[in-house]
């Protein structure tokens, strides 16, 4: 394990100490946990963005997608316990504009 020094403003240091005490841990462990949670959040956001970009690129490349109304109906059925609900098929949509 390596050591990293960070400088905290006095008010933030006091808030960390108070929060750590409330959480039943040390300020050191509280800071480590906060850093770990922030990294996990950023990793999830990055993964979400990567998946969204990939899916959008697929829509652009194929021109196929599922209308929201159909997908919503499928999801509502699925959440209601109708696990046999048929997943809508992606298809090219016609621009009605």
PDB file of N, CA and C in Angstrom:
ATOM      1  N   UNK A   1       0.863  -1.160   0.000  1.00  0.00           N
ATOM      2  CA  UNK A   1       0.000   0.000   0.000  1.00  0.00           C
ATOM      3  C   UNK A   1       0.911   1.225   0.000  1.00  0.00           C
ATOM      4  N   UNK A   2       0.507   2.236  -0.744  1.00  0.00           N
ATOM      5  CA  UNK A   2       1.290   3.461  -0.781  1.00  0.00           C
ATOM      6  C   UNK A   2       0.556   4.574  -0.047  1.00  0.00           C
ATOM      7  N   UNK A   3       1.285   5.634   0.231  1.00  0.00           N
ATOM      8  CA  UNK A   3       0.731   6.770   0.956  1.00  0.00           C
ATOM      9  C   UNK A   3       0.544   7.930   0.001  1.00  0.00           C
ATOM     10  N   UNK A   4      -0.596   8.583   0.099  1.00  0.00           N
ATOM     11  CA  UNK A   4      -0.892   9.791  -0.657  1.00  0.00           C
ATOM     12  C   UNK A   4      -1.340  10.847   0.330  1.00  0.00           C
ATOM     13  N   UNK A   5      -0.798  12.023   0.182  1.00  0.00           N
ATOM     14  CA  UNK A   5      -1.174  13.117   1.062  1.00  0.00           C
ATOM     15  C   UNK A   5      -2.171  14.007   0.356  1.00  0.00           C
ATOM     16  N   UNK A   6      -3.250  14.332   1.040  1.00  0.00           N
ATOM     17  CA  UNK A   6      -4.212  15.301   0.510  1.00  0.00           C
ATOM     18  C   UNK A   6      -4.379  16.411   1.534  1.00  0.00           C
ATOM     19  N   UNK A   7      -4.612  17.570   1.026  1.00  0.00           N
ATOM     20  CA  UNK A   7      -4.848  18.705   1.907  1.00  0.00           C
ATOM     21  C   UNK A   7      -6.346  19.005   1.901  1.00  0.00           C
ATOM     22  N   UNK A   8      -6.899  19.031   3.093  1.00  0.00           N
ATOM     23  CA  UNK A   8      -8.326  19.305   3.235  1.00  0.00           C
ATOM     24  C   UNK A   8      -8.509  20.643   3.924  1.00  0.00           C
ATOM     25  N   UNK A   9      -9.429  21.458   3.423  1.00  0.00           N
ATOM     26  CA  UNK A   9      -9.769  22.673   4.163  1.00  0.00           C
ATOM     27  C   UNK A   9     -10.280  22.263   5.553  1.00  0.00           C
ATOM     28  N   UNK A  10     -10.039  23.104   6.525  1.00  0.00           N
ATOM     29  CA  UNK A  10     -10.413  22.773   7.907  1.00  0.00           C
ATOM     30  C   UNK A  10     -11.886  22.410   8.050  1.00  0.00           C
ATOM     31  N   UNK A  11     -12.754  23.140   7.349  1.00  0.00           N
ATOM     32  CA  UNK A  11     -14.184  22.845   7.473  1.00  0.00           C
ATOM     33  C   UNK A  11     -14.531  21.476   6.897  1.00  0.00           C
ATOM     34  N   UNK A  12     -13.876  21.089   5.789  1.00  0.00           N
ATOM     35  CA  UNK A  12     -14.133  19.776   5.203  1.00  0.00           C
ATOM     36  C   UNK A  12     -13.584  18.678   6.111  1.00  0.00           C
ATOM     37  N   UNK A  13     -12.412  18.900   6.673  1.00  0.00           N
ATOM     38  CA  UNK A  13     -11.814  17.926   7.592  1.00  0.00           C
ATOM     39  C   UNK A  13     -12.731  17.695   8.791  1.00  0.00           C
ATOM     40  N   UNK A  14     -13.322  18.758   9.307  1.00  0.00           N
ATOM     41  CA  UNK A  14     -14.246  18.637  10.439  1.00  0.00           C
ATOM     42  C   UNK A  14     -15.500  17.871  10.032  1.00  0.00           C
ATOM     43  N   UNK A  15     -15.989  18.137   8.835  1.00  0.00           N
ATOM     44  CA  UNK A  15     -17.181  17.427   8.358  1.00  0.00           C
ATOM     45  C   UNK A  15     -16.895  15.944   8.170  1.00  0.00           C
ATOM     46  N   UNK A  16     -15.701  15.630   7.637  1.00  0.00           N
ATOM     47  CA  UNK A  16     -15.312  14.228   7.472  1.00  0.00           C
ATOM     48  C   UNK A  16     -15.251  13.547   8.827  1.00  0.00           C
ATOM     49  N   UNK A  17     -14.634  14.194   9.802  1.00  0.00           N
ATOM     50  CA  UNK A  17     -14.514  13.606  11.138  1.00  0.00           C
ATOM     51  C   UNK A  17     -15.891  13.355  11.746  1.00  0.00           C
ATOM     52  N   UNK A  18     -16.773  14.309  11.591  1.00  0.00           N
ATOM     53  CA  UNK A  18     -18.129  14.157  12.139  1.00  0.00           C
ATOM     54  C   UNK A  18     -18.890  13.046  11.426  1.00  0.00           C
ATOM     55  N   UNK A  19     -18.794  13.010  10.122  1.00  0.00           N
ATOM     56  CA  UNK A  19     -19.490  11.967   9.358  1.00  0.00           C
ATOM     57  C   UNK A  19     -18.924  10.588   9.679  1.00  0.00           C
ATOM     58  N   UNK A  20     -17.608  10.511   9.812  1.00  0.00           N
ATOM     59  CA  UNK A  20     -16.974   9.233  10.142  1.00  0.00           C
ATOM     60  C   UNK A  20     -17.433   8.742  11.509  1.00  0.00           C
ATOM     61  N   UNK A  21     -17.479   9.653  12.458  1.00  0.00           N
ATOM     62  CA  UNK A  21     -17.940   9.276  13.808  1.00  0.00           C
ATOM     63  C   UNK A  21     -19.383   8.782  13.753  1.00  0.00           C
ATOM     64  N   UNK A  22     -20.204   9.487  13.000  1.00  0.00           N
ATOM     65  CA  UNK A  22     -21.613   9.093  12.855  1.00  0.00           C
ATOM     66  C   UNK A  22     -21.725   7.717  12.205  1.00  0.00           C
ATOM     67  N   UNK A  23     -20.820   7.428  11.256  1.00  0.00           N
ATOM     68  CA  UNK A  23     -20.835   6.144  10.554  1.00  0.00           C
ATOM     69  C   UNK A  23     -20.140   5.041  11.357  1.00  0.00           C
ATOM     70  N   UNK A  24     -19.518   5.413  12.460  1.00  0.00           N
ATOM     71  CA  UNK A  24     -18.853   4.417  13.296  1.00  0.00           C
ATOM     72  C   UNK A  24     -17.533   3.940  12.738  1.00  0.00           C
ATOM     73  N   UNK A  25     -16.821   4.815  12.072  1.00  0.00           N
ATOM     74  CA  UNK A  25     -15.536   4.441  11.485  1.00  0.00           C
ATOM     75  C   UNK A  25     -14.540   5.575  11.707  1.00  0.00           C
ATOM     76  N   UNK A  26     -13.341   5.378  11.222  1.00  0.00           N
ATOM     77  CA  UNK A  26     -12.314   6.414  11.353  1.00  0.00           C
ATOM     78  C   UNK A  26     -12.390   7.363  10.164  1.00  0.00           C
ATOM     79  N   UNK A  27     -11.880   8.569  10.321  1.00  0.00           N
ATOM     80  CA  UNK A  27     -11.824   9.471   9.163  1.00  0.00           C
ATOM     81  C   UNK A  27     -11.064   8.856   7.992  1.00  0.00           C
ATOM     82  N   UNK A  28      -9.976   8.151   8.281  1.00  0.00           N
ATOM     83  CA  UNK A  28      -9.198   7.502   7.217  1.00  0.00           C
ATOM     84  C   UNK A  28     -10.065   6.522   6.426  1.00  0.00           C
ATOM     85  N   UNK A  29     -10.741   5.624   7.144  1.00  0.00           N
ATOM     86  CA  UNK A  29     -11.598   4.647   6.454  1.00  0.00           C
ATOM     87  C   UNK A  29     -12.760   5.326   5.746  1.00  0.00           C
ATOM     88  N   UNK A  30     -13.291   6.372   6.339  1.00  0.00           N
ATOM     89  CA  UNK A  30     -14.390   7.101   5.715  1.00  0.00           C
ATOM     90  C   UNK A  30     -13.944   7.693   4.380  1.00  0.00           C
ATOM     91  N   UNK A  31     -12.750   8.294   4.360  1.00  0.00           N
ATOM     92  CA  UNK A  31     -12.219   8.884   3.121  1.00  0.00           C
ATOM     93  C   UNK A  31     -11.961   7.800   2.081  1.00  0.00           C
ATOM     94  N   UNK A  32     -11.379   6.664   2.502  1.00  0.00           N
ATOM     95  CA  UNK A  32     -11.147   5.566   1.557  1.00  0.00           C
ATOM     96  C   UNK A  32     -12.456   5.069   0.947  1.00  0.00           C
ATOM     97  N   UNK A  33     -13.471   4.935   1.798  1.00  0.00           N
ATOM     98  CA  UNK A  33     -14.770   4.474   1.309  1.00  0.00           C
ATOM     99  C   UNK A  33     -15.377   5.494   0.346  1.00  0.00           C
ATOM    100  N   UNK A  34     -15.250   6.782   0.670  1.00  0.00           N
ATOM    101  CA  UNK A  34     -15.793   7.823  -0.210  1.00  0.00           C
ATOM    102  C   UNK A  34     -15.105   7.798  -1.564  1.00  0.00           C
ATOM    103  N   UNK A  35     -13.786   7.630  -1.558  1.00  0.00           N
ATOM    104  CA  UNK A  35     -13.049   7.573  -2.823  1.00  0.00           C
ATOM    105  C   UNK A  35     -13.478   6.347  -3.620  1.00  0.00           C
ATOM    106  N   UNK A  36     -13.585   5.214  -2.940  1.00  0.00           N
ATOM    107  CA  UNK A  36     -13.998   3.977  -3.608  1.00  0.00           C
ATOM    108  C   UNK A  36     -15.390   4.109  -4.221  1.00  0.00           C
ATOM    109  N   UNK A  37     -16.330   4.707  -3.479  1.00  0.00           N
ATOM    110  CA  UNK A  37     -17.694   4.894  -3.991  1.00  0.00           C
ATOM    111  C   UNK A  37     -17.705   5.836  -5.189  1.00  0.00           C
ATOM    112  N   UNK A  38     -16.908   6.889  -5.147  1.00  0.00           N
ATOM    113  CA  UNK A  38     -16.852   7.834  -6.264  1.00  0.00           C
ATOM    114  C   UNK A  38     -16.280   7.168  -7.508  1.00  0.00           C
ATOM    115  N   UNK A  39     -15.241   6.358  -7.327  1.00  0.00           N
ATOM    116  CA  UNK A  39     -14.665   5.633  -8.466  1.00  0.00           C
ATOM    117  C   UNK A  39     -15.697   4.687  -9.070  1.00  0.00           C
ATOM    118  N   UNK A  40     -16.400   3.945  -8.225  1.00  0.00           N
ATOM    119  CA  UNK A  40     -17.431   3.017  -8.712  1.00  0.00           C
ATOM    120  C   UNK A  40     -18.515   3.772  -9.475  1.00  0.00           C
ATOM    121  N   UNK A  41     -18.917   4.926  -8.963  1.00  0.00           N
ATOM    122  CA  UNK A  41     -19.929   5.747  -9.643  1.00  0.00           C
ATOM    123  C   UNK A  41     -19.427   6.183 -11.017  1.00  0.00           C
ATOM    124  N   UNK A  42     -18.197   6.638 -11.093  1.00  0.00           N
ATOM    125  CA  UNK A  42     -17.637   7.073 -12.377  1.00  0.00           C
ATOM    126  C   UNK A  42     -17.508   5.911 -13.346  1.00  0.00           C
ATOM    127  N   UNK A  43     -17.132   4.734 -12.845  1.00  0.00           N
ATOM    128  CA  UNK A  43     -17.031   3.556 -13.704  1.00  0.00           C
ATOM    129  C   UNK A  43     -18.397   3.156 -14.251  1.00  0.00           C
ATOM    130  N   UNK A  44     -19.426   3.204 -13.396  1.00  0.00           N
ATOM    131  CA  UNK A  44     -20.787   2.890 -13.864  1.00  0.00           C
ATOM    132  C   UNK A  44     -21.245   3.892 -14.920  1.00  0.00           C
ATOM    133  N   UNK A  45     -20.973   5.171 -14.687  1.00  0.00           N
ATOM    134  CA  UNK A  45     -21.369   6.209 -15.649  1.00  0.00           C
ATOM    135  C   UNK A  45     -20.646   6.018 -16.967  1.00  0.00           C
ATOM    136  N   UNK A  46     -19.356   5.711 -16.896  1.00  0.00           N
ATOM    137  CA  UNK A  46     -18.581   5.485 -18.119  1.00  0.00           C
ATOM    138  C   UNK A  46     -19.114   4.277 -18.882  1.00  0.00           C
ATOM    139  N   UNK A  47     -19.413   3.197 -18.165  1.00  0.00           N
ATOM    140  CA  UNK A  47     -19.973   2.002 -18.802  1.00  0.00           C
ATOM    141  C   UNK A  47     -21.331   2.313 -19.426  1.00  0.00           C
ATOM    142  N   UNK A  48     -22.174   3.046 -18.702  1.00  0.00           N
ATOM    143  CA  UNK A  48     -23.478   3.441 -19.227  1.00  0.00           C
ATOM    144  C   UNK A  48     -23.317   4.223 -20.530  1.00  0.00           C
ATOM    145  N   UNK A  49     -22.389   5.185 -20.536  1.00  0.00           N
ATOM    146  CA  UNK A  49     -22.162   5.993 -21.735  1.00  0.00           C
ATOM    147  C   UNK A  49     -21.645   5.146 -22.888  1.00  0.00           C
ATOM    148  N   UNK A  50     -20.745   4.201 -22.599  1.00  0.00           N
ATOM    149  CA  UNK A  50     -20.219   3.321 -23.644  1.00  0.00           C
ATOM    150  C   UNK A  50     -21.329   2.480 -24.268  1.00  0.00           C
ATOM    151  N   UNK A  51     -22.205   1.923 -23.412  1.00  0.00           N
ATOM    152  CA  UNK A  51     -23.313   1.105 -23.914  1.00  0.00           C
ATOM    153  C   UNK A  51     -24.264   1.961 -24.740  1.00  0.00           C
ATOM    154  N   UNK A  52     -24.571   3.153 -24.263  1.00  0.00           N
ATOM    155  CA  UNK A  52     -25.481   4.046 -24.987  1.00  0.00           C
ATOM    156  C   UNK A  52     -24.894   4.418 -26.346  1.00  0.00           C
ATOM    157  N   UNK A  53     -23.620   4.754 -26.380  1.00  0.00           N
ATOM    158  CA  UNK A  53     -22.974   5.107 -27.655  1.00  0.00           C
ATOM    159  C   UNK A  53     -22.986   3.933 -28.616  1.00  0.00           C
ATOM    160  N   UNK A  54     -22.718   2.742 -28.099  1.00  0.00           N
ATOM    161  CA  UNK A  54     -22.725   1.546 -28.935  1.00  0.00           C
ATOM    162  C   UNK A  54     -24.114   1.271 -29.501  1.00  0.00           C
ATOM    163  N   UNK A  55     -25.111   1.405 -28.653  1.00  0.00           N
ATOM    164  CA  UNK A  55     -26.486   1.165 -29.111  1.00  0.00           C
ATOM    165  C   UNK A  55     -26.923   2.209 -30.127  1.00  0.00           C
ATOM    166  N   UNK A  56     -26.536   3.455 -29.894  1.00  0.00           N
ATOM    167  CA  UNK A  56     -26.887   4.506 -30.847  1.00  0.00           C
ATOM    168  C   UNK A  56     -26.179   4.274 -32.181  1.00  0.00           C
ATOM    169  N   UNK A  57     -24.909   3.875 -32.134  1.00  0.00           N
ATOM    170  CA  UNK A  57     -24.171   3.583 -33.368  1.00  0.00           C
ATOM    171  C   UNK A  57     -24.848   2.454 -34.133  1.00  0.00           C
ATOM    172  N   UNK A  58     -25.378   1.470 -33.414  1.00  0.00           N
ATOM    173  CA  UNK A  58     -26.089   0.372 -34.058  1.00  0.00           C
ATOM    174  C   UNK A  58     -27.376   0.867 -34.724  1.00  0.00           C
ATOM    175  N   UNK A  59     -28.078   1.772 -34.062  1.00  0.00           N
ATOM    176  CA  UNK A  59     -29.295   2.338 -34.654  1.00  0.00           C
ATOM    177  C   UNK A  59     -28.947   3.106 -35.918  1.00  0.00           C
ATOM    178  N   UNK A  60     -27.900   3.904 -35.853  1.00  0.00           N
ATOM    179  CA  UNK A  60     -27.481   4.686 -37.018  1.00  0.00           C
ATOM    180  C   UNK A  60     -27.062   3.758 -38.155  1.00  0.00           C
ATOM    181  N   UNK A  61     -26.315   2.699 -37.843  1.00  0.00           N
ATOM    182  CA  UNK A  61     -25.813   1.783 -38.869  1.00  0.00           C
ATOM    183  C   UNK A  61     -26.922   0.968 -39.518  1.00  0.00           C
ATOM    184  N   UNK A  62     -27.896   0.517 -38.714  1.00  0.00           N
ATOM    185  CA  UNK A  62     -28.932  -0.378 -39.248  1.00  0.00           C
ATOM    186  C   UNK A  62     -30.229   0.351 -39.568  1.00  0.00           C
ATOM    187  N   UNK A  63     -30.443   1.472 -38.918  1.00  0.00           N
ATOM    188  CA  UNK A  63     -31.709   2.178 -39.077  1.00  0.00           C
ATOM    189  C   UNK A  63     -32.842   1.497 -38.330  1.00  0.00           C
ATOM    190  N   UNK A  64     -32.508   0.493 -37.519  1.00  0.00           N
ATOM    191  CA  UNK A  64     -33.541  -0.271 -36.817  1.00  0.00           C
ATOM    192  C   UNK A  64     -33.595   0.115 -35.345  1.00  0.00           C
ATOM    193  N   UNK A  65     -34.813   0.171 -34.847  1.00  0.00           N
ATOM    194  CA  UNK A  65     -35.035   0.457 -33.433  1.00  0.00           C
ATOM    195  C   UNK A  65     -36.403  -0.074 -33.043  1.00  0.00           C
ATOM    196  N   UNK A  66     -36.703   0.007 -31.765  1.00  0.00           N
ATOM    197  CA  UNK A  66     -38.010  -0.412 -31.264  1.00  0.00           C
ATOM    198  C   UNK A  66     -38.726   0.841 -30.772  1.00  0.00           C
ATOM    199  N   UNK A  67     -39.943   1.089 -31.253  1.00  0.00           N
ATOM    200  CA  UNK A  67     -40.685   2.258 -30.773  1.00  0.00           C
ATOM    201  C   UNK A  67     -40.890   2.180 -29.257  1.00  0.00           C
ATOM    202  N   UNK A  68     -40.787   3.314 -28.587  1.00  0.00           N
ATOM    203  CA  UNK A  68     -40.893   3.355 -27.140  1.00  0.00           C
ATOM    204  C   UNK A  68     -42.218   2.775 -26.649  1.00  0.00           C
ATOM    205  N   UNK A  69     -43.303   3.060 -27.321  1.00  0.00           N
ATOM    206  CA  UNK A  69     -44.606   2.546 -26.888  1.00  0.00           C
ATOM    207  C   UNK A  69     -44.625   1.027 -26.819  1.00  0.00           C
ATOM    208  N   UNK A  70     -44.025   0.385 -27.808  1.00  0.00           N
ATOM    209  CA  UNK A  70     -43.979  -1.084 -27.815  1.00  0.00           C
ATOM    210  C   UNK A  70     -43.070  -1.611 -26.709  1.00  0.00           C
ATOM    211  N   UNK A  71     -41.919  -0.966 -26.533  1.00  0.00           N
ATOM    212  CA  UNK A  71     -40.999  -1.417 -25.496  1.00  0.00           C
ATOM    213  C   UNK A  71     -41.597  -1.188 -24.112  1.00  0.00           C
ATOM    214  N   UNK A  72     -42.263  -0.068 -23.938  1.00  0.00           N
ATOM    215  CA  UNK A  72     -42.882   0.216 -22.649  1.00  0.00           C
ATOM    216  C   UNK A  72     -43.945  -0.827 -22.319  1.00  0.00           C
ATOM    217  N   UNK A  73     -44.759  -1.179 -23.301  1.00  0.00           N
ATOM    218  CA  UNK A  73     -45.793  -2.191 -23.084  1.00  0.00           C
ATOM    219  C   UNK A  73     -45.156  -3.522 -22.698  1.00  0.00           C
ATOM    220  N   UNK A  74     -44.077  -3.887 -23.375  1.00  0.00           N
ATOM    221  CA  UNK A  74     -43.370  -5.123 -23.047  1.00  0.00           C
ATOM    222  C   UNK A  74     -42.856  -5.078 -21.608  1.00  0.00           C
ATOM    223  N   UNK A  75     -42.209  -3.956 -21.232  1.00  0.00           N
ATOM    224  CA  UNK A  75     -41.655  -3.832 -19.879  1.00  0.00           C
ATOM    225  C   UNK A  75     -42.748  -3.867 -18.822  1.00  0.00           C
ATOM    226  N   UNK A  76     -43.876  -3.213 -19.092  1.00  0.00           N
ATOM    227  CA  UNK A  76     -44.987  -3.241 -18.140  1.00  0.00           C
ATOM    228  C   UNK A  76     -45.516  -4.660 -17.962  1.00  0.00           C
ATOM    229  N   UNK A  77     -45.639  -5.386 -19.062  1.00  0.00           N
ATOM    230  CA  UNK A  77     -46.085  -6.783 -18.988  1.00  0.00           C
ATOM    231  C   UNK A  77     -45.089  -7.630 -18.200  1.00  0.00           C
ATOM    232  N   UNK A  78     -43.824  -7.435 -18.483  1.00  0.00           N
ATOM    233  CA  UNK A  78     -42.783  -8.197 -17.812  1.00  0.00           C
ATOM    234  C   UNK A  78     -42.789  -7.925 -16.309  1.00  0.00           C
ATOM    235  N   UNK A  79     -42.883  -6.648 -15.947  1.00  0.00           N
ATOM    236  CA  UNK A  79     -42.906  -6.290 -14.529  1.00  0.00           C
ATOM    237  C   UNK A  79     -44.166  -6.785 -13.827  1.00  0.00           C
ATOM    238  N   UNK A  80     -45.243  -6.951 -14.582  1.00  0.00           N
ATOM    239  CA  UNK A  80     -46.488  -7.462 -14.008  1.00  0.00           C
ATOM    240  C   UNK A  80     -46.452  -8.984 -13.850  1.00  0.00           C
ATOM    241  N   UNK A  81     -45.334  -9.600 -14.238  1.00  0.00           N
ATOM    242  CA  UNK A  81     -45.192 -11.038 -14.066  1.00  0.00           C
ATOM    243  C   UNK A  81     -45.440 -11.842 -15.322  1.00  0.00           C
ATOM    244  N   UNK A  82     -45.762 -11.187 -16.412  1.00  0.00           N
ATOM    245  CA  UNK A  82     -45.994 -11.878 -17.677  1.00  0.00           C
ATOM    246  C   UNK A  82     -44.643 -12.088 -18.360  1.00  0.00           C
ATOM    247  N   UNK A  83     -43.850 -13.032 -17.814  1.00  0.00           N
ATOM    248  CA  UNK A  83     -42.497 -13.253 -18.343  1.00  0.00           C
ATOM    249  C   UNK A  83     -42.515 -13.863 -19.736  1.00  0.00           C
ATOM    250  N   UNK A  84     -43.657 -14.318 -20.190  1.00  0.00           N
ATOM    251  CA  UNK A  84     -43.775 -14.866 -21.535  1.00  0.00           C
ATOM    252  C   UNK A  84     -44.092 -13.798 -22.572  1.00  0.00           C
ATOM    253  N   UNK A  85     -44.144 -12.530 -22.140  1.00  0.00           N
ATOM    254  CA  UNK A  85     -44.449 -11.445 -23.078  1.00  0.00           C
ATOM    255  C   UNK A  85     -43.408 -11.430 -24.184  1.00  0.00           C
ATOM    256  N   UNK A  86     -43.880 -11.264 -25.413  1.00  0.00           N
ATOM    257  CA  UNK A  86     -42.983 -11.298 -26.572  1.00  0.00           C
ATOM    258  C   UNK A  86     -42.209  -9.988 -26.680  1.00  0.00           C
ATOM    259  N   UNK A  87     -40.881 -10.120 -26.732  1.00  0.00           N
ATOM    260  CA  UNK A  87     -40.009  -8.964 -26.886  1.00  0.00           C
ATOM    261  C   UNK A  87     -40.235  -8.355 -28.269  1.00  0.00           C
ATOM    262  N   UNK A  88     -40.478  -7.056 -28.351  1.00  0.00           N
ATOM    263  CA  UNK A  88     -40.683  -6.429 -29.658  1.00  0.00           C
ATOM    264  C   UNK A  88     -39.433  -6.576 -30.526  1.00  0.00           C
ATOM    265  N   UNK A  89     -39.644  -6.612 -31.813  1.00  0.00           N
ATOM    266  CA  UNK A  89     -38.546  -6.760 -32.757  1.00  0.00           C
ATOM    267  C   UNK A  89     -38.122  -5.400 -33.286  1.00  0.00           C
ATOM    268  N   UNK A  90     -36.808  -5.188 -33.327  1.00  0.00           N
ATOM    269  CA  UNK A  90     -36.292  -3.947 -33.899  1.00  0.00           C
ATOM    270  C   UNK A  90     -36.568  -3.942 -35.398  1.00  0.00           C
ATOM    271  N   UNK A  91     -36.939  -2.778 -35.911  1.00  0.00           N
ATOM    272  CA  UNK A  91     -37.217  -2.646 -37.340  1.00  0.00           C
ATOM    273  C   UNK A  91     -36.950  -1.211 -37.766  1.00  0.00           C
ATOM    274  N   UNK A  92     -36.824  -1.036 -39.068  1.00  0.00           N
ATOM    275  CA  UNK A  92     -36.643   0.320 -39.580  1.00  0.00           C
ATOM    276  C   UNK A  92     -37.928   1.088 -39.393  1.00  0.00           C
ATOM    277  N   UNK A  93     -37.805   2.262 -38.863  1.00  0.00           N
ATOM    278  CA  UNK A  93     -38.985   3.088 -38.636  1.00  0.00           C
ATOM    279  C   UNK A  93     -39.166   4.058 -39.788  1.00  0.00           C
ATOM    280  N   UNK A  94     -40.401   4.338 -40.084  1.00  0.00           N
ATOM    281  CA  UNK A  94     -40.739   5.268 -41.153  1.00  0.00           C
ATOM    282  C   UNK A  94     -40.903   6.651 -40.546  1.00  0.00           C
ATOM    283  N   UNK A  95     -40.231   7.649 -41.099  1.00  0.00           N
ATOM    284  CA  UNK A  95     -40.361   9.020 -40.636  1.00  0.00           C
ATOM    285  C   UNK A  95     -41.668   9.580 -41.154  1.00  0.00           C
ATOM    286  N   UNK A  96     -42.546   9.947 -40.227  1.00  0.00           N
ATOM    287  CA  UNK A  96     -43.863  10.444 -40.615  1.00  0.00           C
ATOM    288  C   UNK A  96     -43.879  11.964 -40.702  1.00  0.00           C
ATOM    289  N   UNK A  97     -42.699  12.570 -40.674  1.00  0.00           N
ATOM    290  CA  UNK A  97     -42.593  14.033 -40.693  1.00  0.00           C
ATOM    291  C   UNK A  97     -42.623  14.554 -42.025  1.00  0.00           C
TER     292      UNK A  97
END
